[in-house]
Amino acid sequence: MLLKEVCTASVVSCGPQTTVLQAASLMRHRHVGDLVVVDDPQDEGIPLGVVTDRDIVLEVLGNGLDPAKTTVGSLMRKPVVIAHESEDTTQAIERMHAHGVRRLPVVAQEGQVIGIITLNDLLRLFVADANLLLGVMTKGQINEQHARR
């Protein structure tokens, strides 16, 4: 399945000069656990990095840094690991595994962010597929039982 078909299109992003305090507020109001840091937050922008709620807790609060003065640009994971909209879910999983990340910004051919795919998204997708397969198996068994009576 292509990433452009399954990624979450409503990406919440910010610029690298956004303070951690502003980022945390944005995460709270948009109900997300991550932000894609982009070069131009007014446009879809080119991804520069990703910042998670966990990054904020461990790197800023855990180190006693001031969230009102610390920027996400100093905190974001670099280099950013991305996926292209034309790739499939298997390639995304392989990239997540290779880089030890749980989220991939999905970019268009021109490089701007069009979505994000997370480990949770992929797990939901594969669990749904596994349930369909179980349904096929169960229905096949029922059909066989009825045919052999």
C-alpha atoms as a PDB file:
ATOM      1  CA  MET A   1       0.000   0.000   0.000  1.00  0.00           C
ATOM      2  CA  LEU A   2       1.389   3.424  -0.938  1.00  0.00           C
ATOM      3  CA  LEU A   3       2.188   5.859   1.852  1.00  0.00           C
ATOM      4  CA  LYS A   4       0.229   8.664   0.201  1.00  0.00           C
ATOM      5  CA  GLU A   5      -2.873   6.487   0.653  1.00  0.00           C
ATOM      6  CA  VAL A   6      -2.371   5.732   4.358  1.00  0.00           C
ATOM      7  CA  CYS A   7      -0.393   8.595   5.889  1.00  0.00           C
ATOM      8  CA  THR A   8      -2.027  11.147   8.152  1.00  0.00           C
ATOM      9  CA  ALA A   9      -2.388  14.260   6.031  1.00  0.00           C
ATOM     10  CA  SER A  10      -3.024  16.702   8.877  1.00  0.00           C
ATOM     11  CA  VAL A  11       0.585  17.231   9.895  1.00  0.00           C
ATOM     12  CA  VAL A  12       1.236  19.693  12.684  1.00  0.00           C
ATOM     13  CA  SER A  13       4.413  21.617  11.976  1.00  0.00           C
ATOM     14  CA  CYS A  14       6.431  24.547  13.231  1.00  0.00           C
ATOM     15  CA  GLY A  15       9.619  26.408  12.384  1.00  0.00           C
ATOM     16  CA  PRO A  16      13.007  25.798  14.006  1.00  0.00           C
ATOM     17  CA  GLN A  17      12.800  29.065  15.998  1.00  0.00           C
ATOM     18  CA  THR A  18       9.608  27.959  17.785  1.00  0.00           C
ATOM     19  CA  THR A  19      10.237  27.730  21.514  1.00  0.00           C
ATOM     20  CA  VAL A  20       9.660  24.449  23.304  1.00  0.00           C
ATOM     21  CA  LEU A  21       6.952  26.172  25.355  1.00  0.00           C
ATOM     22  CA  GLN A  22       5.133  27.177  22.139  1.00  0.00           C
ATOM     23  CA  ALA A  23       5.662  23.663  20.729  1.00  0.00           C
ATOM     24  CA  ALA A  24       4.200  22.018  23.833  1.00  0.00           C
ATOM     25  CA  SER A  25       1.193  24.331  23.668  1.00  0.00           C
ATOM     26  CA  LEU A  26       0.723  23.527  19.976  1.00  0.00           C
ATOM     27  CA  MET A  27       0.898  19.785  20.709  1.00  0.00           C
ATOM     28  CA  ARG A  28      -1.677  20.156  23.478  1.00  0.00           C
ATOM     29  CA  HIS A  29      -4.118  22.175  21.409  1.00  0.00           C
ATOM     30  CA  ARG A  30      -3.789  19.967  18.323  1.00  0.00           C
ATOM     31  CA  HIS A  31      -3.788  16.701  20.364  1.00  0.00           C
ATOM     32  CA  VAL A  32      -0.553  15.335  18.870  1.00  0.00           C
ATOM     33  CA  GLY A  33       2.628  13.915  20.331  1.00  0.00           C
ATOM     34  CA  ASP A  34       4.993  15.203  17.674  1.00  0.00           C
ATOM     35  CA  LEU A  35       5.732  18.173  15.447  1.00  0.00           C
ATOM     36  CA  VAL A  36       7.473  18.185  12.102  1.00  0.00           C
ATOM     37  CA  VAL A  37       9.934  21.067  12.075  1.00  0.00           C
ATOM     38  CA  VAL A  38       9.910  22.667   8.617  1.00  0.00           C
ATOM     39  CA  ASP A  39      11.886  25.415   6.928  1.00  0.00           C
ATOM     40  CA  ASP A  40       8.738  27.463   6.200  1.00  0.00           C
ATOM     41  CA  PRO A  41       5.847  26.878   8.632  1.00  0.00           C
ATOM     42  CA  GLN A  42       3.575  29.222   6.615  1.00  0.00           C
ATOM     43  CA  ASP A  43       3.776  26.822   3.670  1.00  0.00           C
ATOM     44  CA  GLU A  44       3.895  23.016   3.672  1.00  0.00           C
ATOM     45  CA  GLY A  45       7.668  23.371   3.921  1.00  0.00           C
ATOM     46  CA  ILE A  46      10.638  21.058   3.669  1.00  0.00           C
ATOM     47  CA  PRO A  47      11.110  18.899   6.791  1.00  0.00           C
ATOM     48  CA  LEU A  48      14.185  19.674   8.879  1.00  0.00           C
ATOM     49  CA  GLY A  49      13.498  17.431  11.849  1.00  0.00           C
ATOM     50  CA  VAL A  50      10.938  15.968  14.236  1.00  0.00           C
ATOM     51  CA  VAL A  51      10.301  16.858  17.877  1.00  0.00           C
ATOM     52  CA  THR A  52       8.236  14.641  20.161  1.00  0.00           C
ATOM     53  CA  ASP A  53       6.630  15.172  23.536  1.00  0.00           C
ATOM     54  CA  ARG A  54       9.179  12.691  24.877  1.00  0.00           C
ATOM     55  CA  ASP A  55      12.046  14.821  23.504  1.00  0.00           C
ATOM     56  CA  ILE A  56      10.640  17.788  25.409  1.00  0.00           C
ATOM     57  CA  VAL A  57      10.404  15.881  28.674  1.00  0.00           C
ATOM     58  CA  LEU A  58      13.769  14.145  28.493  1.00  0.00           C
ATOM     59  CA  GLU A  59      15.935  16.769  26.822  1.00  0.00           C
ATOM     60  CA  VAL A  60      14.450  20.024  28.103  1.00  0.00           C
ATOM     61  CA  LEU A  61      12.690  19.357  31.389  1.00  0.00           C
ATOM     62  CA  GLY A  62      14.998  16.485  32.351  1.00  0.00           C
ATOM     63  CA  ASN A  63      18.046  18.708  31.861  1.00  0.00           C
ATOM     64  CA  GLY A  64      16.556  21.748  33.590  1.00  0.00           C
ATOM     65  CA  LEU A  65      16.470  23.860  30.421  1.00  0.00           C
ATOM     66  CA  ASP A  66      14.083  26.789  30.116  1.00  0.00           C
ATOM     67  CA  PRO A  67      11.282  25.790  27.696  1.00  0.00           C
ATOM     68  CA  ALA A  68      10.557  29.461  26.995  1.00  0.00           C
ATOM     69  CA  LYS A  69      14.109  30.000  25.719  1.00  0.00           C
ATOM     70  CA  THR A  70      14.970  26.629  24.186  1.00  0.00           C
ATOM     71  CA  THR A  71      14.014  26.293  20.519  1.00  0.00           C
ATOM     72  CA  VAL A  72      12.832  23.166  18.769  1.00  0.00           C
ATOM     73  CA  GLY A  73      15.655  23.710  16.263  1.00  0.00           C
ATOM     74  CA  SER A  74      18.151  22.909  19.016  1.00  0.00           C
ATOM     75  CA  LEU A  75      16.141  19.893  20.095  1.00  0.00           C
ATOM     76  CA  MET A  76      14.934  18.229  16.881  1.00  0.00           C
ATOM     77  CA  ARG A  77      16.323  14.956  15.684  1.00  0.00           C
ATOM     78  CA  LYS A  78      18.698  15.509  12.784  1.00  0.00           C
ATOM     79  CA  PRO A  79      19.089  14.483  10.107  1.00  0.00           C
ATOM     80  CA  VAL A  80      15.404  13.959   9.560  1.00  0.00           C
ATOM     81  CA  VAL A  81      14.426  10.523   8.272  1.00  0.00           C
ATOM     82  CA  ILE A  82      11.695  10.866   5.655  1.00  0.00           C
ATOM     83  CA  ALA A  83       9.588   8.733   3.365  1.00  0.00           C
ATOM     84  CA  HIS A  84       8.319   9.554  -0.103  1.00  0.00           C
ATOM     85  CA  GLU A  85       4.614   9.453  -0.931  1.00  0.00           C
ATOM     86  CA  SER A  86       5.254   6.923  -3.715  1.00  0.00           C
ATOM     87  CA  GLU A  87       6.895   4.389  -1.369  1.00  0.00           C
ATOM     88  CA  ASP A  88       4.982   1.531   0.162  1.00  0.00           C
ATOM     89  CA  THR A  89       4.457   0.626   3.797  1.00  0.00           C
ATOM     90  CA  THR A  90       7.126  -2.083   3.695  1.00  0.00           C
ATOM     91  CA  GLN A  91       9.774   0.465   2.748  1.00  0.00           C
ATOM     92  CA  ALA A  92       8.615   2.752   5.562  1.00  0.00           C
ATOM     93  CA  ILE A  93       8.857  -0.063   8.095  1.00  0.00           C
ATOM     94  CA  GLU A  94      12.343  -0.970   6.886  1.00  0.00           C
ATOM     95  CA  ARG A  95      13.451   2.665   7.186  1.00  0.00           C
ATOM     96  CA  MET A  96      11.937   3.001  10.677  1.00  0.00           C
ATOM     97  CA  HIS A  97      13.776  -0.137  11.735  1.00  0.00           C
ATOM     98  CA  ALA A  98      17.084   0.912  10.193  1.00  0.00           C
ATOM     99  CA  HIS A  99      17.027   4.337  11.877  1.00  0.00           C
ATOM    100  CA  GLY A 100      15.224   3.434  15.100  1.00  0.00           C
ATOM    101  CA  VAL A 101      12.437   5.981  14.596  1.00  0.00           C
ATOM    102  CA  ARG A 102       8.691   5.665  15.147  1.00  0.00           C
ATOM    103  CA  ARG A 103       7.583   8.492  12.819  1.00  0.00           C
ATOM    104  CA  LEU A 104       8.380   9.474   9.267  1.00  0.00           C
ATOM    105  CA  PRO A 105       7.341  12.717   7.626  1.00  0.00           C
ATOM    106  CA  VAL A 106       5.979  11.832   4.177  1.00  0.00           C
ATOM    107  CA  VAL A 107       7.085  14.165   1.401  1.00  0.00           C
ATOM    108  CA  ALA A 108       5.919  14.852  -2.136  1.00  0.00           C
ATOM    109  CA  GLN A 109       8.253  14.628  -5.109  1.00  0.00           C
ATOM    110  CA  GLU A 110       9.252  18.282  -4.599  1.00  0.00           C
ATOM    111  CA  GLY A 111      10.237  17.561  -0.983  1.00  0.00           C
ATOM    112  CA  GLN A 112       7.470  19.340   0.923  1.00  0.00           C
ATOM    113  CA  VAL A 113       5.616  17.598   3.740  1.00  0.00           C
ATOM    114  CA  ILE A 114       2.273  16.091   2.729  1.00  0.00           C
ATOM    115  CA  GLY A 115       1.747  13.787   5.701  1.00  0.00           C
ATOM    116  CA  ILE A 116       3.240  11.687   8.447  1.00  0.00           C
ATOM    117  CA  ILE A 117       3.241   7.936   9.025  1.00  0.00           C
ATOM    118  CA  THR A 118       3.754   6.553  12.511  1.00  0.00           C
ATOM    119  CA  LEU A 119       4.375   3.153  13.996  1.00  0.00           C
ATOM    120  CA  ASN A 120       0.868   3.306  15.492  1.00  0.00           C
ATOM    121  CA  ASP A 121      -0.633   4.003  12.042  1.00  0.00           C
ATOM    122  CA  LEU A 122       1.147   1.004  10.566  1.00  0.00           C
ATOM    123  CA  LEU A 123       0.175  -1.270  13.453  1.00  0.00           C
ATOM    124  CA  ARG A 124      -3.503  -0.286  13.052  1.00  0.00           C
ATOM    125  CA  LEU A 125      -3.296  -0.985   9.333  1.00  0.00           C
ATOM    126  CA  PHE A 126      -1.723  -4.416   9.785  1.00  0.00           C
ATOM    127  CA  VAL A 127      -4.067  -5.410  12.619  1.00  0.00           C
ATOM    128  CA  ALA A 128      -7.036  -4.538  10.392  1.00  0.00           C
ATOM    129  CA  ASP A 129      -5.546  -6.662   7.592  1.00  0.00           C
ATOM    130  CA  ALA A 130      -4.878  -9.525  10.024  1.00  0.00           C
ATOM    131  CA  ASN A 131      -8.508  -9.390  11.168  1.00  0.00           C
ATOM    132  CA  LEU A 132      -9.674  -9.610   7.552  1.00  0.00           C
ATOM    133  CA  LEU A 133      -7.445 -12.635   7.023  1.00  0.00           C
ATOM    134  CA  LEU A 134      -8.861 -14.284  10.142  1.00  0.00           C
ATOM    135  CA  GLY A 135     -12.344 -13.635   8.776  1.00  0.00           C
ATOM    136  CA  VAL A 136     -11.413 -15.338   5.501  1.00  0.00           C
ATOM    137  CA  MET A 137     -10.066 -18.337   7.388  1.00  0.00           C
ATOM    138  CA  THR A 138     -13.159 -18.607   9.605  1.00  0.00           C
ATOM    139  CA  LYS A 139     -15.558 -18.243   6.692  1.00  0.00           C
ATOM    140  CA  GLY A 140     -13.621 -20.911   4.768  1.00  0.00           C
ATOM    141  CA  GLN A 141     -13.941 -23.316   7.687  1.00  0.00           C
ATOM    142  CA  ILE A 142     -17.684 -22.620   7.988  1.00  0.00           C
ATOM    143  CA  ASN A 143     -18.171 -23.138   4.247  1.00  0.00           C
ATOM    144  CA  GLU A 144     -16.284 -26.423   4.411  1.00  0.00           C
ATOM    145  CA  GLN A 145     -18.389 -27.636   7.359  1.00  0.00           C
ATOM    146  CA  HIS A 146     -21.622 -26.838   5.493  1.00  0.00           C
ATOM    147  CA  ALA A 147     -20.393 -28.486   2.287  1.00  0.00           C
ATOM    148  CA  ARG A 148     -19.466 -31.748   4.039  1.00  0.00           C
ATOM    149  CA  ARG A 149     -22.695 -32.354   5.940  1.00  0.00           C
END
